[in-house]
Protein backbone atom coordinates (compact mmCIF):
# COMPACT_ATOMS: atom_id res chain seq x y z
CA MET A 1 38.26 -11.65 11.84
CA PHE A 2 37.41 -7.94 11.49
CA LYS A 3 36.59 -8.36 7.76
CA LYS A 4 34.32 -11.31 8.51
CA ASN A 5 32.43 -9.40 11.23
CA SER A 6 32.21 -6.37 8.97
CA ALA A 7 30.78 -8.46 6.12
CA ILE A 8 28.22 -10.07 8.45
CA LEU A 9 27.22 -6.66 9.81
CA THR A 10 26.86 -5.28 6.27
CA ILE A 11 24.65 -8.20 5.22
CA PHE A 12 22.57 -7.83 8.38
CA ILE A 13 22.04 -4.09 7.77
CA PHE A 14 21.16 -4.75 4.11
CA ILE A 15 18.54 -7.35 5.12
CA LEU A 16 17.17 -5.02 7.79
CA VAL A 17 16.82 -2.15 5.32
CA LEU A 18 15.04 -4.42 2.83
CA SER A 19 12.67 -5.69 5.52
CA VAL A 20 11.76 -2.21 6.68
CA GLY A 21 11.34 -1.00 3.10
CA SER A 22 9.07 -3.91 2.25
CA GLY A 23 6.96 -3.27 5.30
CA MET A 24 6.54 0.36 4.39
CA CYS A 25 5.48 -0.55 0.85
CA ALA A 26 2.92 -3.03 2.12
CA CYS A 27 1.45 -0.47 4.52
CA SER A 28 1.10 2.14 1.81
CA GLN A 29 -0.90 -0.29 -0.32
CA SER A 30 -3.67 -1.02 2.19
CA ASP A 31 -7.31 -0.83 1.21
CA ILE A 32 -9.14 2.47 1.23
CA GLU A 33 -12.81 2.59 2.22
CA PHE A 34 -15.06 3.32 -0.72
CA THR A 35 -17.00 6.54 -0.44
CA GLN A 36 -18.09 8.76 -3.28
CA GLU A 37 -15.76 11.44 -1.94
CA ASN A 38 -12.76 9.08 -1.87
CA TRP A 39 -13.62 7.77 -5.35
CA ASN A 40 -13.63 11.26 -6.82
CA ARG A 41 -10.66 12.54 -4.84
CA HIS A 42 -8.24 9.62 -5.38
CA ILE A 43 -8.74 8.60 -9.02
CA TRP A 44 -5.39 6.79 -9.29
CA LYS A 45 -5.94 4.93 -5.99
CA ARG A 46 -9.40 3.60 -6.84
CA TYR A 47 -8.05 0.06 -7.19
CA ARG A 48 -7.50 0.12 -3.42
CA MET A 49 -11.24 0.85 -2.90
CA LEU A 50 -12.56 -2.08 -4.93
CA ASN A 51 -12.92 -4.53 -2.02
CA SER A 52 -14.93 -1.98 -0.08
CA LEU A 53 -17.01 -1.08 -3.16
CA TYR A 54 -17.81 -4.76 -3.83
CA GLU A 55 -18.76 -5.33 -0.18
CA GLN A 56 -21.11 -2.34 -0.11
CA TYR A 57 -22.82 -2.67 -3.50
CA ASP A 58 -24.02 -5.44 -5.79
CA LEU A 59 -22.78 -3.89 -9.02
CA SER A 60 -24.14 -6.74 -11.14
CA GLU A 61 -27.71 -5.76 -10.19
CA MET A 62 -27.30 -2.11 -11.18
CA THR A 63 -28.08 -0.13 -14.29
CA LYS A 64 -25.82 2.29 -16.09
CA GLU A 65 -27.71 5.13 -14.46
CA ASP A 66 -27.15 3.57 -11.01
CA ILE A 67 -23.41 3.22 -11.72
CA ILE A 68 -23.16 6.85 -12.82
CA ASP A 69 -25.14 8.00 -9.75
CA LEU A 70 -22.79 5.99 -7.52
CA LEU A 71 -19.41 6.59 -9.19
CA GLY A 72 -19.97 9.80 -11.15
CA LEU A 73 -18.25 10.53 -14.43
CA ASP A 74 -14.95 12.00 -13.17
CA GLY A 75 -12.02 9.88 -14.25
CA THR A 76 -13.87 7.94 -16.92
CA ALA A 77 -11.84 6.56 -19.79
CA ASN A 78 -14.92 6.23 -22.00
CA ASN A 79 -18.68 6.49 -21.82
CA TYR A 80 -20.48 4.73 -24.65
CA ASP A 81 -24.05 3.42 -24.87
CA HIS A 82 -23.07 -0.14 -23.93
CA SER A 83 -19.89 0.44 -21.94
CA LEU A 84 -18.42 2.67 -19.27
CA ASP A 85 -14.81 2.51 -18.08
CA PHE A 86 -13.22 4.15 -15.05
CA TYR A 87 -9.52 4.75 -14.45
CA ILE A 88 -8.53 3.03 -11.21
CA LYS A 89 -4.71 2.91 -11.25
CA LYS A 90 -1.99 4.79 -13.07
CA ASP A 91 0.61 2.59 -14.71
CA ILE A 92 3.76 3.46 -16.65
CA VAL A 93 2.77 1.44 -19.70
CA SER A 94 -1.02 1.47 -19.54
CA PRO A 95 -3.58 2.39 -16.87
CA LEU A 96 -5.77 -0.09 -15.04
CA LEU A 97 -9.51 0.30 -15.64
CA LEU A 98 -12.78 -0.89 -14.15
CA GLY A 99 -15.04 -1.57 -17.12
CA PHE A 100 -18.79 -2.10 -17.25
CA SER A 101 -20.82 -3.55 -20.13
CA PHE A 102 -24.57 -2.93 -20.43
CA ASP A 103 -27.43 -4.52 -22.33
CA ASP A 104 -29.89 -2.53 -24.48
CA ASN A 105 -31.91 -1.67 -21.36
CA GLY A 106 -28.87 -0.30 -19.53
CA ASN A 107 -28.51 -3.23 -17.12
CA VAL A 108 -25.03 -4.34 -16.11
CA ILE A 109 -24.20 -7.58 -17.90
CA ARG A 110 -20.50 -7.66 -17.03
CA PHE A 111 -17.85 -5.73 -15.15
CA ASP A 112 -14.15 -6.44 -14.84
CA ILE A 113 -10.73 -4.94 -14.35
CA TYR A 114 -8.43 -4.70 -17.31
CA SER A 115 -5.41 -2.86 -18.65
CA ASP A 116 -5.87 -0.48 -21.56
């Protein structure tokens, strides 16, 4: 009887620890409000600002100059005539990037998230 109660208690504690751990992980991954200060300060947490960024700005209507004025150049992976990529999340294998493509006039024609 003691072994059975002990096993049940052990399983209960294990499930409790997993539940609490999962809750803490979920809380630490909540969105961060996009501000230029947050964007520049938290380069590897930028992915958590994307919802706020998309709600505040219509990126598809911007030019390359507008994007640079808004996001700056800190934490860029590349800056070419027709593309500009920003690091948004550190990953063990490859980082996550927010990439923009521009036409010959510098207008945004596409932006997406991809892994390098």
